[in-house]
Amino acid sequence: MRVFIFIVLVCGSAWGWAAQNNYQFDNETQRAQFTTLTQTLRCPMCQNQNIADSDAMIAKDMRRKVYQLTLEGQSREQIIAYMKARYGDFVYYEPPLTVATIWLWILPVGFALCGLWIVLKRGKPAPPADMAEQLAKAERLLKQDKE
């Protein structure tokens, strides 16, 4: 039993060590830029996970490319432009406002306005009729049911 636990611990620590990416930077500015970029670029495979947190192979490749471009001295904007040119606007969490993406902004507002219009239109109750007349009609119906 102890041998089994030992093997599990050794394998677990080896997997954790292998999964760790140790990037060496020339200065803290490069490290900060790398960290920021890997958190703001989306994994094309995972779709809702940034490349810093993703274990997908494409995310690892993207991290390596961001690292390489960072070491080459390229700016944040240049690296984002490179990634968008290669993978499309989808990889950047802040897509530009274009004809293709405008519906992402207009559609929810349109649905909200339509819903509000429907609620306001249906929400108005009919004006109450004469209450005495309604009571008399109800009493007549009750008398008819008894007969």
N, C-alpha and C. Protein backbone atom coordinates (compact mmCIF):
# COMPACT_ATOMS: atom_id res chain seq x y z
N MET A 1 0.83 -1.19 0.00
CA MET A 1 0.00 0.00 0.00
C MET A 1 0.87 1.26 0.00
N ARG A 2 1.94 1.25 0.78
CA ARG A 2 2.83 2.41 0.82
C ARG A 2 3.50 2.63 -0.52
N VAL A 3 3.82 1.55 -1.20
CA VAL A 3 4.47 1.67 -2.50
C VAL A 3 3.51 2.33 -3.49
N PHE A 4 2.25 1.93 -3.45
CA PHE A 4 1.24 2.50 -4.33
C PHE A 4 1.09 4.01 -4.09
N ILE A 5 1.01 4.41 -2.82
CA ILE A 5 0.89 5.83 -2.47
C ILE A 5 2.12 6.59 -2.94
N PHE A 6 3.30 6.00 -2.76
CA PHE A 6 4.54 6.63 -3.19
C PHE A 6 4.54 6.84 -4.71
N ILE A 7 4.10 5.84 -5.45
CA ILE A 7 4.07 5.94 -6.92
C ILE A 7 3.10 7.03 -7.36
N VAL A 8 1.95 7.08 -6.71
CA VAL A 8 0.96 8.11 -7.05
C VAL A 8 1.51 9.50 -6.77
N LEU A 9 2.16 9.68 -5.65
CA LEU A 9 2.73 10.99 -5.31
C LEU A 9 3.84 11.39 -6.27
N VAL A 10 4.70 10.46 -6.63
CA VAL A 10 5.80 10.77 -7.54
C VAL A 10 5.25 11.11 -8.92
N CYS A 11 4.30 10.32 -9.41
CA CYS A 11 3.72 10.59 -10.74
C CYS A 11 2.96 11.92 -10.73
N GLY A 12 2.22 12.17 -9.67
CA GLY A 12 1.47 13.43 -9.58
C GLY A 12 2.38 14.63 -9.57
N SER A 13 3.47 14.56 -8.85
CA SER A 13 4.39 15.70 -8.82
C SER A 13 5.11 15.84 -10.15
N ALA A 14 5.39 14.75 -10.83
CA ALA A 14 6.05 14.81 -12.14
C ALA A 14 5.12 15.44 -13.16
N TRP A 15 3.81 15.11 -13.10
CA TRP A 15 2.87 15.72 -14.03
C TRP A 15 2.75 17.21 -13.76
N GLY A 16 2.72 17.59 -12.51
CA GLY A 16 2.65 19.00 -12.17
C GLY A 16 3.88 19.75 -12.64
N TRP A 17 5.05 19.14 -12.49
CA TRP A 17 6.28 19.78 -12.92
C TRP A 17 6.34 19.88 -14.44
N ALA A 18 5.86 18.86 -15.14
CA ALA A 18 5.88 18.87 -16.60
C ALA A 18 4.91 19.90 -17.15
N ALA A 19 3.80 20.13 -16.44
CA ALA A 19 2.80 21.08 -16.92
C ALA A 19 3.21 22.52 -16.69
N GLN A 20 4.18 22.73 -15.84
CA GLN A 20 4.61 24.07 -15.50
C GLN A 20 5.46 24.65 -16.61
N ASN A 21 5.17 25.85 -17.05
CA ASN A 21 5.96 26.52 -18.07
C ASN A 21 6.85 27.55 -17.38
N ASN A 22 8.12 27.34 -17.48
CA ASN A 22 9.06 28.28 -16.87
C ASN A 22 9.67 29.13 -17.96
N TYR A 23 9.17 30.34 -18.09
CA TYR A 23 9.68 31.27 -19.08
C TYR A 23 10.64 32.23 -18.40
N GLN A 24 11.76 32.46 -19.03
CA GLN A 24 12.77 33.38 -18.52
C GLN A 24 12.68 34.70 -19.29
N PHE A 25 12.61 35.81 -18.58
CA PHE A 25 12.49 37.12 -19.21
C PHE A 25 13.69 37.97 -18.85
N ASP A 26 13.95 38.95 -19.71
CA ASP A 26 15.08 39.86 -19.48
C ASP A 26 14.76 40.87 -18.39
N ASN A 27 13.48 41.23 -18.25
CA ASN A 27 13.09 42.20 -17.23
C ASN A 27 11.64 41.97 -16.82
N GLU A 28 11.22 42.69 -15.81
CA GLU A 28 9.87 42.54 -15.27
C GLU A 28 8.80 43.10 -16.22
N THR A 29 9.16 44.06 -17.04
CA THR A 29 8.21 44.62 -18.01
C THR A 29 7.78 43.54 -19.00
N GLN A 30 8.75 42.75 -19.46
CA GLN A 30 8.42 41.66 -20.38
C GLN A 30 7.55 40.62 -19.70
N ARG A 31 7.87 40.30 -18.47
CA ARG A 31 7.07 39.32 -17.73
C ARG A 31 5.63 39.82 -17.56
N ALA A 32 5.47 41.10 -17.22
CA ALA A 32 4.14 41.67 -17.03
C ALA A 32 3.36 41.67 -18.35
N GLN A 33 4.05 42.01 -19.44
CA GLN A 33 3.39 42.02 -20.74
C GLN A 33 2.96 40.61 -21.12
N PHE A 34 3.81 39.63 -20.90
CA PHE A 34 3.49 38.24 -21.21
C PHE A 34 2.28 37.78 -20.40
N THR A 35 2.30 38.07 -19.12
CA THR A 35 1.20 37.66 -18.23
C THR A 35 -0.12 38.30 -18.67
N THR A 36 -0.09 39.59 -18.95
CA THR A 36 -1.30 40.30 -19.38
C THR A 36 -1.82 39.73 -20.70
N LEU A 37 -0.92 39.51 -21.65
CA LEU A 37 -1.35 39.01 -22.96
C LEU A 37 -1.92 37.60 -22.88
N THR A 38 -1.31 36.74 -22.10
CA THR A 38 -1.82 35.37 -22.01
C THR A 38 -3.17 35.32 -21.29
N GLN A 39 -3.47 36.36 -20.51
CA GLN A 39 -4.78 36.41 -19.85
C GLN A 39 -5.84 37.10 -20.69
N THR A 40 -5.41 37.85 -21.73
CA THR A 40 -6.39 38.55 -22.57
C THR A 40 -6.58 37.89 -23.93
N LEU A 41 -5.84 36.84 -24.21
CA LEU A 41 -6.03 36.12 -25.46
C LEU A 41 -6.79 34.83 -25.17
N ARG A 42 -7.77 34.55 -26.00
CA ARG A 42 -8.67 33.41 -25.81
C ARG A 42 -8.15 32.19 -26.57
N CYS A 43 -8.31 31.04 -25.97
CA CYS A 43 -7.93 29.79 -26.61
C CYS A 43 -8.97 29.46 -27.69
N PRO A 44 -8.54 29.26 -28.95
CA PRO A 44 -9.51 28.95 -30.00
C PRO A 44 -10.20 27.60 -29.80
N MET A 45 -9.56 26.71 -29.09
CA MET A 45 -10.16 25.39 -28.89
C MET A 45 -11.12 25.39 -27.69
N CYS A 46 -10.69 26.01 -26.61
CA CYS A 46 -11.51 26.02 -25.38
C CYS A 46 -12.62 27.06 -25.45
N GLN A 47 -12.42 28.12 -26.17
CA GLN A 47 -13.35 29.19 -26.45
C GLN A 47 -13.68 30.10 -25.28
N ASN A 48 -13.84 29.61 -24.10
CA ASN A 48 -14.15 30.49 -22.98
C ASN A 48 -13.06 30.45 -21.92
N GLN A 49 -11.86 30.19 -22.35
CA GLN A 49 -10.74 30.12 -21.43
C GLN A 49 -9.56 30.84 -22.07
N ASN A 50 -8.83 31.60 -21.27
CA ASN A 50 -7.69 32.28 -21.84
C ASN A 50 -6.52 31.30 -22.02
N ILE A 51 -5.51 31.73 -22.76
CA ILE A 51 -4.42 30.80 -23.07
C ILE A 51 -3.52 30.57 -21.86
N ALA A 52 -3.61 31.41 -20.87
CA ALA A 52 -2.82 31.20 -19.65
C ALA A 52 -3.36 30.01 -18.86
N ASP A 53 -4.66 29.81 -18.87
CA ASP A 53 -5.28 28.74 -18.08
C ASP A 53 -5.54 27.46 -18.86
N SER A 54 -5.45 27.52 -20.18
CA SER A 54 -5.81 26.38 -21.01
C SER A 54 -4.64 25.40 -21.13
N ASP A 55 -4.98 24.12 -21.16
CA ASP A 55 -3.98 23.07 -21.37
C ASP A 55 -4.00 22.53 -22.78
N ALA A 56 -4.80 23.13 -23.67
CA ALA A 56 -4.88 22.67 -25.05
C ALA A 56 -3.54 22.92 -25.75
N MET A 57 -3.23 22.09 -26.71
CA MET A 57 -1.96 22.22 -27.44
C MET A 57 -1.87 23.55 -28.15
N ILE A 58 -2.97 24.02 -28.73
CA ILE A 58 -2.93 25.29 -29.44
C ILE A 58 -2.67 26.45 -28.48
N ALA A 59 -3.18 26.35 -27.26
CA ALA A 59 -2.91 27.39 -26.26
C ALA A 59 -1.44 27.39 -25.87
N LYS A 60 -0.85 26.21 -25.76
CA LYS A 60 0.58 26.12 -25.46
C LYS A 60 1.40 26.73 -26.58
N ASP A 61 1.01 26.45 -27.84
CA ASP A 61 1.70 27.05 -28.98
C ASP A 61 1.55 28.56 -28.98
N MET A 62 0.36 29.04 -28.65
CA MET A 62 0.14 30.48 -28.60
C MET A 62 0.96 31.13 -27.50
N ARG A 63 1.06 30.47 -26.34
CA ARG A 63 1.89 31.01 -25.25
C ARG A 63 3.34 31.10 -25.68
N ARG A 64 3.82 30.05 -26.36
CA ARG A 64 5.22 30.08 -26.83
C ARG A 64 5.44 31.22 -27.82
N LYS A 65 4.47 31.45 -28.71
CA LYS A 65 4.60 32.53 -29.69
C LYS A 65 4.56 33.89 -29.00
N VAL A 66 3.69 34.05 -28.03
CA VAL A 66 3.63 35.31 -27.27
C VAL A 66 4.97 35.52 -26.56
N TYR A 67 5.50 34.48 -25.98
CA TYR A 67 6.81 34.55 -25.31
C TYR A 67 7.89 34.98 -26.30
N GLN A 68 7.91 34.35 -27.47
CA GLN A 68 8.92 34.66 -28.49
C GLN A 68 8.79 36.11 -28.95
N LEU A 69 7.58 36.54 -29.24
CA LEU A 69 7.37 37.92 -29.71
C LEU A 69 7.68 38.93 -28.62
N THR A 70 7.41 38.57 -27.38
CA THR A 70 7.74 39.45 -26.25
C THR A 70 9.25 39.62 -26.14
N LEU A 71 9.98 38.51 -26.25
CA LEU A 71 11.45 38.59 -26.18
C LEU A 71 12.03 39.37 -27.35
N GLU A 72 11.36 39.33 -28.50
CA GLU A 72 11.83 40.09 -29.66
C GLU A 72 11.58 41.58 -29.48
N GLY A 73 10.83 41.96 -28.45
CA GLY A 73 10.62 43.37 -28.16
C GLY A 73 9.38 43.96 -28.81
N GLN A 74 8.49 43.11 -29.31
CA GLN A 74 7.28 43.64 -29.92
C GLN A 74 6.33 44.15 -28.85
N SER A 75 5.56 45.16 -29.21
CA SER A 75 4.62 45.76 -28.25
C SER A 75 3.39 44.89 -28.09
N ARG A 76 2.59 45.26 -27.10
CA ARG A 76 1.34 44.54 -26.83
C ARG A 76 0.43 44.58 -28.04
N GLU A 77 0.30 45.75 -28.66
CA GLU A 77 -0.57 45.92 -29.82
C GLU A 77 -0.08 45.08 -31.01
N GLN A 78 1.24 45.02 -31.21
CA GLN A 78 1.79 44.23 -32.31
C GLN A 78 1.51 42.74 -32.11
N ILE A 79 1.65 42.27 -30.88
CA ILE A 79 1.42 40.86 -30.60
C ILE A 79 -0.06 40.52 -30.77
N ILE A 80 -0.94 41.40 -30.30
CA ILE A 80 -2.38 41.17 -30.46
C ILE A 80 -2.74 41.18 -31.95
N ALA A 81 -2.16 42.11 -32.70
CA ALA A 81 -2.42 42.17 -34.15
C ALA A 81 -1.95 40.88 -34.83
N TYR A 82 -0.81 40.37 -34.41
CA TYR A 82 -0.31 39.11 -34.98
C TYR A 82 -1.27 37.96 -34.69
N MET A 83 -1.70 37.86 -33.45
CA MET A 83 -2.61 36.77 -33.07
C MET A 83 -3.96 36.89 -33.78
N LYS A 84 -4.47 38.12 -33.91
CA LYS A 84 -5.74 38.32 -34.60
C LYS A 84 -5.61 38.00 -36.08
N ALA A 85 -4.47 38.33 -36.67
CA ALA A 85 -4.26 38.02 -38.09
C ALA A 85 -4.17 36.51 -38.30
N ARG A 86 -3.61 35.83 -37.33
CA ARG A 86 -3.43 34.38 -37.48
C ARG A 86 -4.67 33.58 -37.10
N TYR A 87 -5.34 33.97 -36.02
CA TYR A 87 -6.47 33.19 -35.50
C TYR A 87 -7.82 33.88 -35.63
N GLY A 88 -7.85 35.12 -36.04
CA GLY A 88 -9.11 35.86 -36.17
C GLY A 88 -9.39 36.71 -34.95
N ASP A 89 -10.40 37.58 -35.08
CA ASP A 89 -10.76 38.49 -33.98
C ASP A 89 -11.24 37.75 -32.74
N PHE A 90 -11.65 36.50 -32.91
CA PHE A 90 -12.21 35.71 -31.80
C PHE A 90 -11.21 35.54 -30.66
N VAL A 91 -9.90 35.50 -30.95
CA VAL A 91 -8.92 35.21 -29.90
C VAL A 91 -8.73 36.36 -28.93
N TYR A 92 -9.21 37.53 -29.29
CA TYR A 92 -9.06 38.68 -28.41
C TYR A 92 -10.39 38.91 -27.70
N TYR A 93 -10.34 39.01 -26.37
CA TYR A 93 -11.56 39.15 -25.58
C TYR A 93 -12.29 40.46 -25.82
N GLU A 94 -11.66 41.42 -26.45
CA GLU A 94 -12.29 42.71 -26.73
C GLU A 94 -12.40 42.88 -28.24
N PRO A 95 -13.39 42.25 -28.87
CA PRO A 95 -13.49 42.32 -30.33
C PRO A 95 -13.81 43.74 -30.79
N PRO A 96 -13.35 44.10 -31.99
CA PRO A 96 -13.64 45.45 -32.49
C PRO A 96 -15.10 45.57 -32.91
N LEU A 97 -15.60 46.78 -32.95
CA LEU A 97 -16.97 47.04 -33.36
C LEU A 97 -16.99 47.14 -34.89
N THR A 98 -17.47 46.10 -35.53
CA THR A 98 -17.55 46.05 -36.99
C THR A 98 -18.97 45.69 -37.40
N VAL A 99 -19.21 45.68 -38.70
CA VAL A 99 -20.53 45.30 -39.21
C VAL A 99 -20.86 43.87 -38.79
N ALA A 100 -19.84 43.02 -38.76
CA ALA A 100 -20.07 41.62 -38.39
C ALA A 100 -20.37 41.45 -36.90
N THR A 101 -19.84 42.32 -36.06
CA THR A 101 -20.03 42.16 -34.61
C THR A 101 -21.07 43.11 -34.01
N ILE A 102 -21.59 44.01 -34.81
CA ILE A 102 -22.55 44.99 -34.26
C ILE A 102 -23.81 44.30 -33.73
N TRP A 103 -24.19 43.19 -34.34
CA TRP A 103 -25.39 42.49 -33.88
C TRP A 103 -25.23 41.97 -32.46
N LEU A 104 -24.00 41.73 -32.03
CA LEU A 104 -23.78 41.30 -30.65
C LEU A 104 -24.19 42.37 -29.65
N TRP A 105 -24.14 43.61 -30.09
CA TRP A 105 -24.51 44.72 -29.22
C TRP A 105 -25.97 45.11 -29.40
N ILE A 106 -26.48 45.05 -30.62
CA ILE A 106 -27.83 45.52 -30.91
C ILE A 106 -28.89 44.49 -30.54
N LEU A 107 -28.63 43.22 -30.80
CA LEU A 107 -29.62 42.18 -30.58
C LEU A 107 -30.13 42.10 -29.13
N PRO A 108 -29.27 42.08 -28.12
CA PRO A 108 -29.79 42.03 -26.74
C PRO A 108 -30.62 43.26 -26.39
N VAL A 109 -30.21 44.43 -26.86
CA VAL A 109 -30.98 45.65 -26.58
C VAL A 109 -32.33 45.56 -27.28
N GLY A 110 -32.34 45.05 -28.52
CA GLY A 110 -33.59 44.89 -29.26
C GLY A 110 -34.55 43.94 -28.55
N PHE A 111 -34.01 42.80 -28.06
CA PHE A 111 -34.85 41.85 -27.33
C PHE A 111 -35.42 42.48 -26.05
N ALA A 112 -34.60 43.23 -25.35
CA ALA A 112 -35.06 43.88 -24.12
C ALA A 112 -36.16 44.88 -24.41
N LEU A 113 -36.00 45.67 -25.47
CA LEU A 113 -37.03 46.65 -25.82
C LEU A 113 -38.34 45.97 -26.25
N CYS A 114 -38.22 44.88 -27.03
CA CYS A 114 -39.43 44.14 -27.44
C CYS A 114 -40.13 43.55 -26.22
N GLY A 115 -39.38 42.98 -25.31
CA GLY A 115 -39.96 42.42 -24.10
C GLY A 115 -40.65 43.48 -23.26
N LEU A 116 -40.02 44.62 -23.13
CA LEU A 116 -40.61 45.72 -22.37
C LEU A 116 -41.90 46.19 -23.03
N TRP A 117 -41.90 46.31 -24.34
CA TRP A 117 -43.10 46.73 -25.07
C TRP A 117 -44.23 45.74 -24.86
N ILE A 118 -43.92 44.43 -24.94
CA ILE A 118 -44.95 43.41 -24.74
C ILE A 118 -45.51 43.46 -23.32
N VAL A 119 -44.63 43.59 -22.34
CA VAL A 119 -45.08 43.65 -20.94
C VAL A 119 -45.96 44.87 -20.72
N LEU A 120 -45.56 46.01 -21.25
CA LEU A 120 -46.36 47.22 -21.06
C LEU A 120 -47.69 47.13 -21.80
N LYS A 121 -47.69 46.51 -22.95
CA LYS A 121 -48.92 46.37 -23.74
C LYS A 121 -49.91 45.43 -23.05
N ARG A 122 -49.40 44.31 -22.54
CA ARG A 122 -50.28 43.35 -21.87
C ARG A 122 -50.56 43.73 -20.42
N GLY A 123 -49.73 44.50 -19.84
CA GLY A 123 -49.84 44.81 -18.42
C GLY A 123 -51.00 45.72 -18.07
N LYS A 124 -51.58 46.41 -19.07
CA LYS A 124 -52.68 47.31 -18.79
C LYS A 124 -53.98 46.52 -18.67
N PRO A 125 -54.59 46.49 -17.48
CA PRO A 125 -55.87 45.77 -17.34
C PRO A 125 -57.00 46.57 -18.00
N ALA A 126 -58.00 45.83 -18.40
CA ALA A 126 -59.18 46.49 -18.98
C ALA A 126 -59.84 47.35 -17.91
N PRO A 127 -60.41 48.46 -18.30
CA PRO A 127 -61.04 49.31 -17.29
C PRO A 127 -62.23 48.57 -16.66
N PRO A 128 -62.35 48.63 -15.35
CA PRO A 128 -63.43 47.89 -14.68
C PRO A 128 -64.79 48.46 -15.06
N ALA A 129 -65.74 47.54 -15.31
CA ALA A 129 -67.11 47.96 -15.62
C ALA A 129 -67.81 48.28 -14.29
N ASP A 130 -69.05 48.63 -14.40
CA ASP A 130 -69.81 48.95 -13.20
C ASP A 130 -69.86 47.70 -12.31
N MET A 131 -69.39 47.82 -11.10
CA MET A 131 -69.27 46.69 -10.19
C MET A 131 -70.64 46.12 -9.82
N ALA A 132 -71.63 46.98 -9.67
CA ALA A 132 -72.99 46.52 -9.31
C ALA A 132 -73.56 45.67 -10.43
N GLU A 133 -73.31 46.07 -11.67
CA GLU A 133 -73.79 45.31 -12.83
C GLU A 133 -73.14 43.93 -12.88
N GLN A 134 -71.85 43.86 -12.59
CA GLN A 134 -71.15 42.59 -12.60
C GLN A 134 -71.67 41.66 -11.50
N LEU A 135 -71.93 42.22 -10.32
CA LEU A 135 -72.47 41.41 -9.22
C LEU A 135 -73.87 40.88 -9.55
N ALA A 136 -74.69 41.69 -10.16
CA ALA A 136 -76.04 41.26 -10.53
C ALA A 136 -75.96 40.12 -11.54
N LYS A 137 -75.07 40.25 -12.51
CA LYS A 137 -74.90 39.21 -13.52
C LYS A 137 -74.43 37.91 -12.88
N ALA A 138 -73.52 38.00 -11.93
CA ALA A 138 -73.01 36.82 -11.24
C ALA A 138 -74.12 36.15 -10.43
N GLU A 139 -74.97 36.93 -9.77
CA GLU A 139 -76.07 36.37 -9.00
C GLU A 139 -77.08 35.66 -9.89
N ARG A 140 -77.36 36.24 -11.08
CA ARG A 140 -78.27 35.59 -12.02
C ARG A 140 -77.72 34.25 -12.47
N LEU A 141 -76.42 34.20 -12.74
CA LEU A 141 -75.79 32.94 -13.15
C LEU A 141 -75.87 31.89 -12.05
N LEU A 142 -75.68 32.32 -10.81
CA LEU A 142 -75.77 31.40 -9.67
C LEU A 142 -77.20 30.84 -9.51
N LYS A 143 -78.18 31.70 -9.69
CA LYS A 143 -79.58 31.28 -9.57
C LYS A 143 -79.93 30.27 -10.68
N GLN A 144 -79.40 30.52 -11.88
CA GLN A 144 -79.66 29.60 -12.99
C GLN A 144 -79.03 28.24 -12.72
N ASP A 145 -77.86 28.21 -12.12
CA ASP A 145 -77.18 26.94 -11.82
C ASP A 145 -77.96 26.17 -10.75
N LYS A 146 -78.62 26.84 -9.82
CA LYS A 146 -79.36 26.18 -8.76
C LYS A 146 -80.63 25.54 -9.30
N GLU A 147 -81.19 26.11 -10.34
CA GLU A 147 -82.47 25.61 -10.86
C GLU A 147 -82.31 24.41 -11.66
